[in-house]
Amino acid sequence: MYEAKTKETKASVKAFLDAQEPARRADCKKVAALMKDVTGASPKMWGTSIVGFGSRHFRYASGHEGDTCILGFSPRKAALTLYVPGLGTQTARLKRLGKHKSTGGCLYVSRLADVDLDVLREVLTEAVTSVSPDS
């Protein structure tokens, strides 16, 4: 049976964010505050490099299932990667967001200054309301 590599851990979110370079750290802290506000959940580390908020169980038609965070992000080298379920249904909002790239459920932002934070909040809020904890 498949076992997910990325699971919720007890690692320190604060220590992880504090280890980021200053500009990326500032963006991470803003995204963390926004995701906490939108989900109402405290941040937790998922694996070694994802900060996640809330959790939900998923099950695919193939029978593959597991648990994941409802929203999350990771400060990757090339971009701040935001994990947002249902992103493909938000085309109109994404057009208003500003400079970004997206694939599947991932939103890639080089710098938060390049996007409209009000629109980002709309995107995240829609994502949270569109998924159930057991989807």
C-alpha atoms as a PDB file:
ATOM      1  CA  MET A   1       0.000   0.000   0.000  1.00  0.00           C
ATOM      2  CA  TYR A   2       1.186   3.513  -0.833  1.00  0.00           C
ATOM      3  CA  GLU A   3       2.333   5.658   2.071  1.00  0.00           C
ATOM      4  CA  ALA A   4       2.661   9.417   1.657  1.00  0.00           C
ATOM      5  CA  LYS A   5       6.138  10.867   2.128  1.00  0.00           C
ATOM      6  CA  THR A   6       4.817  14.257   3.130  1.00  0.00           C
ATOM      7  CA  LYS A   7       3.158  13.986   6.513  1.00  0.00           C
ATOM      8  CA  GLU A   8       2.485  16.424   9.310  1.00  0.00           C
ATOM      9  CA  THR A   9       5.488  16.599  11.655  1.00  0.00           C
ATOM     10  CA  LYS A  10       6.303  18.189  14.991  1.00  0.00           C
ATOM     11  CA  ALA A  11       9.147  20.272  13.512  1.00  0.00           C
ATOM     12  CA  SER A  12       9.164  23.982  14.341  1.00  0.00           C
ATOM     13  CA  VAL A  13       7.541  26.243  11.763  1.00  0.00           C
ATOM     14  CA  LYS A  14       9.248  29.243  13.361  1.00  0.00           C
ATOM     15  CA  ALA A  15      12.704  27.662  13.074  1.00  0.00           C
ATOM     16  CA  PHE A  16      12.016  26.696   9.452  1.00  0.00           C
ATOM     17  CA  LEU A  17      10.894  30.215   8.510  1.00  0.00           C
ATOM     18  CA  ASP A  18      13.724  31.862  10.464  1.00  0.00           C
ATOM     19  CA  ALA A  19      16.220  29.815   8.415  1.00  0.00           C
ATOM     20  CA  GLN A  20      15.062  31.431   5.144  1.00  0.00           C
ATOM     21  CA  GLU A  21      16.941  34.332   3.593  1.00  0.00           C
ATOM     22  CA  PRO A  22      15.504  37.706   4.740  1.00  0.00           C
ATOM     23  CA  ALA A  23      13.403  38.675   1.703  1.00  0.00           C
ATOM     24  CA  ARG A  24      11.932  35.181   1.320  1.00  0.00           C
ATOM     25  CA  ARG A  25      11.351  34.991   5.103  1.00  0.00           C
ATOM     26  CA  ALA A  26       9.307  38.202   5.014  1.00  0.00           C
ATOM     27  CA  ASP A  27       7.139  36.857   2.177  1.00  0.00           C
ATOM     28  CA  CYS A  28       6.714  33.534   4.009  1.00  0.00           C
ATOM     29  CA  LYS A  29       5.567  35.253   7.173  1.00  0.00           C
ATOM     30  CA  LYS A  30       2.980  37.267   5.215  1.00  0.00           C
ATOM     31  CA  VAL A  31       1.679  34.159   3.448  1.00  0.00           C
ATOM     32  CA  ALA A  32       1.595  32.252   6.759  1.00  0.00           C
ATOM     33  CA  ALA A  33      -0.470  34.998   8.393  1.00  0.00           C
ATOM     34  CA  LEU A  34      -2.832  35.095   5.414  1.00  0.00           C
ATOM     35  CA  MET A  35      -3.297  31.315   5.316  1.00  0.00           C
ATOM     36  CA  LYS A  36      -3.819  31.176   9.071  1.00  0.00           C
ATOM     37  CA  ASP A  37      -6.473  33.874   8.800  1.00  0.00           C
ATOM     38  CA  VAL A  38      -8.243  32.167   5.880  1.00  0.00           C
ATOM     39  CA  THR A  39      -8.206  28.642   7.353  1.00  0.00           C
ATOM     40  CA  GLY A  40      -8.417  29.454  11.053  1.00  0.00           C
ATOM     41  CA  ALA A  41      -5.726  26.787  11.570  1.00  0.00           C
ATOM     42  CA  SER A  42      -2.265  27.092  13.075  1.00  0.00           C
ATOM     43  CA  PRO A  43       0.705  26.321  10.834  1.00  0.00           C
ATOM     44  CA  LYS A  44       2.325  22.884  10.977  1.00  0.00           C
ATOM     45  CA  MET A  45       5.292  21.478   9.126  1.00  0.00           C
ATOM     46  CA  TRP A  46       4.423  18.848   6.524  1.00  0.00           C
ATOM     47  CA  GLY A  47       7.574  16.956   5.666  1.00  0.00           C
ATOM     48  CA  THR A  48      10.751  18.995   5.821  1.00  0.00           C
ATOM     49  CA  SER A  49       9.814  21.984   3.669  1.00  0.00           C
ATOM     50  CA  ILE A  50       6.053  22.597   3.524  1.00  0.00           C
ATOM     51  CA  VAL A  51       4.167  24.800   5.958  1.00  0.00           C
ATOM     52  CA  GLY A  52       0.574  23.589   5.974  1.00  0.00           C
ATOM     53  CA  PHE A  53      -2.698  24.767   7.468  1.00  0.00           C
ATOM     54  CA  GLY A  54      -5.488  22.422   8.470  1.00  0.00           C
ATOM     55  CA  SER A  55      -5.781  18.900   7.117  1.00  0.00           C
ATOM     56  CA  ARG A  56      -8.087  16.926   4.915  1.00  0.00           C
ATOM     57  CA  HIS A  57      -8.392  13.374   3.720  1.00  0.00           C
ATOM     58  CA  PHE A  58      -8.421  12.755  -0.042  1.00  0.00           C
ATOM     59  CA  ARG A  59      -9.470   9.752  -2.071  1.00  0.00           C
ATOM     60  CA  TYR A  60      -8.987   9.423  -5.826  1.00  0.00           C
ATOM     61  CA  ALA A  61     -11.086   7.265  -8.147  1.00  0.00           C
ATOM     62  CA  SER A  62      -8.013   5.029  -8.501  1.00  0.00           C
ATOM     63  CA  GLY A  63      -8.328   4.145  -4.816  1.00  0.00           C
ATOM     64  CA  HIS A  64      -5.245   6.160  -3.829  1.00  0.00           C
ATOM     65  CA  GLU A  65      -5.955   8.092  -0.644  1.00  0.00           C
ATOM     66  CA  GLY A  66      -4.189   9.967   2.107  1.00  0.00           C
ATOM     67  CA  ASP A  67      -4.067  13.123   4.189  1.00  0.00           C
ATOM     68  CA  THR A  68      -2.751  16.521   3.219  1.00  0.00           C
ATOM     69  CA  CYS A  69      -2.944  20.127   4.362  1.00  0.00           C
ATOM     70  CA  ILE A  70      -5.864  22.238   3.173  1.00  0.00           C
ATOM     71  CA  LEU A  71      -3.526  25.105   2.199  1.00  0.00           C
ATOM     72  CA  GLY A  72       0.238  25.199   2.303  1.00  0.00           C
ATOM     73  CA  PHE A  73       3.375  26.805   0.981  1.00  0.00           C
ATOM     74  CA  SER A  74       7.048  26.127   0.529  1.00  0.00           C
ATOM     75  CA  PRO A  75       9.858  28.641  -0.013  1.00  0.00           C
ATOM     76  CA  ARG A  76      11.516  26.961  -3.013  1.00  0.00           C
ATOM     77  CA  LYS A  77      14.627  28.384  -4.622  1.00  0.00           C
ATOM     78  CA  ALA A  78      12.939  29.609  -7.808  1.00  0.00           C
ATOM     79  CA  ALA A  79       9.663  30.779  -6.299  1.00  0.00           C
ATOM     80  CA  LEU A  80       7.404  30.732  -3.292  1.00  0.00           C
ATOM     81  CA  THR A  81       5.154  27.748  -4.024  1.00  0.00           C
ATOM     82  CA  LEU A  82       1.602  27.854  -2.685  1.00  0.00           C
ATOM     83  CA  TYR A  83      -0.409  24.633  -2.568  1.00  0.00           C
ATOM     84  CA  VAL A  84      -4.008  25.564  -3.346  1.00  0.00           C
ATOM     85  CA  PRO A  85      -6.700  22.939  -4.090  1.00  0.00           C
ATOM     86  CA  GLY A  86      -9.086  23.643  -6.942  1.00  0.00           C
ATOM     87  CA  LEU A  87      -6.824  26.274  -8.452  1.00  0.00           C
ATOM     88  CA  GLY A  88      -7.878  25.330 -11.985  1.00  0.00           C
ATOM     89  CA  THR A  89     -11.411  26.601 -11.349  1.00  0.00           C
ATOM     90  CA  GLN A  90     -10.220  30.113 -10.491  1.00  0.00           C
ATOM     91  CA  THR A  91      -9.110  31.346 -13.925  1.00  0.00           C
ATOM     92  CA  ALA A  92     -10.784  34.760 -13.615  1.00  0.00           C
ATOM     93  CA  ARG A  93      -9.206  35.472 -10.227  1.00  0.00           C
ATOM     94  CA  LEU A  94      -5.789  34.312 -11.394  1.00  0.00           C
ATOM     95  CA  LYS A  95      -5.949  36.768 -14.297  1.00  0.00           C
ATOM     96  CA  ARG A  96      -6.316  39.574 -11.726  1.00  0.00           C
ATOM     97  CA  LEU A  97      -3.656  38.229  -9.348  1.00  0.00           C
ATOM     98  CA  GLY A  98      -0.533  39.690 -10.926  1.00  0.00           C
ATOM     99  CA  LYS A  99       2.763  38.078 -11.884  1.00  0.00           C
ATOM    100  CA  HIS A 100       2.620  34.327 -11.168  1.00  0.00           C
ATOM    101  CA  LYS A 101       2.659  30.893 -12.743  1.00  0.00           C
ATOM    102  CA  SER A 102       0.384  27.996 -11.934  1.00  0.00           C
ATOM    103  CA  THR A 103       0.154  24.285 -12.624  1.00  0.00           C
ATOM    104  CA  GLY A 104      -2.420  21.924 -11.175  1.00  0.00           C
ATOM    105  CA  GLY A 105      -2.820  22.903  -7.530  1.00  0.00           C
ATOM    106  CA  CYS A 106       0.417  24.910  -7.326  1.00  0.00           C
ATOM    107  CA  LEU A 107       0.735  28.664  -7.524  1.00  0.00           C
ATOM    108  CA  TYR A 108       4.280  29.996  -8.057  1.00  0.00           C
ATOM    109  CA  VAL A 109       5.115  33.555  -6.991  1.00  0.00           C
ATOM    110  CA  SER A 110       8.623  35.012  -7.219  1.00  0.00           C
ATOM    111  CA  ARG A 111       7.847  37.856  -4.800  1.00  0.00           C
ATOM    112  CA  LEU A 112       4.653  38.780  -2.981  1.00  0.00           C
ATOM    113  CA  ALA A 113       5.149  42.356  -4.139  1.00  0.00           C
ATOM    114  CA  ASP A 114       4.319  41.089  -7.656  1.00  0.00           C
ATOM    115  CA  VAL A 115       0.777  40.011  -6.746  1.00  0.00           C
ATOM    116  CA  ASP A 116      -2.360  41.678  -5.433  1.00  0.00           C
ATOM    117  CA  LEU A 117      -2.731  40.399  -1.858  1.00  0.00           C
ATOM    118  CA  ASP A 118      -6.482  41.082  -1.832  1.00  0.00           C
ATOM    119  CA  VAL A 119      -6.912  38.838  -4.881  1.00  0.00           C
ATOM    120  CA  LEU A 120      -4.626  36.222  -3.300  1.00  0.00           C
ATOM    121  CA  ARG A 121      -6.908  36.233  -0.250  1.00  0.00           C
ATOM    122  CA  GLU A 122      -9.903  35.673  -2.575  1.00  0.00           C
ATOM    123  CA  VAL A 123      -8.120  32.737  -4.239  1.00  0.00           C
ATOM    124  CA  LEU A 124      -7.237  31.142  -0.905  1.00  0.00           C
ATOM    125  CA  THR A 125     -10.704  31.713   0.572  1.00  0.00           C
ATOM    126  CA  GLU A 126     -12.377  30.143  -2.461  1.00  0.00           C
ATOM    127  CA  ALA A 127     -10.023  27.162  -2.239  1.00  0.00           C
ATOM    128  CA  VAL A 128     -10.848  26.582   1.419  1.00  0.00           C
ATOM    129  CA  THR A 129     -14.600  26.839   0.896  1.00  0.00           C
ATOM    130  CA  SER A 130     -14.513  24.563  -2.165  1.00  0.00           C
ATOM    131  CA  VAL A 131     -12.882  21.557  -0.454  1.00  0.00           C
ATOM    132  CA  SER A 132     -14.333  19.482   2.292  1.00  0.00           C
ATOM    133  CA  PRO A 133     -12.116  18.048   5.036  1.00  0.00           C
ATOM    134  CA  ASP A 134     -12.795  14.602   3.513  1.00  0.00           C
ATOM    135  CA  SER A 135     -12.672  15.050  -0.255  1.00  0.00           C
END
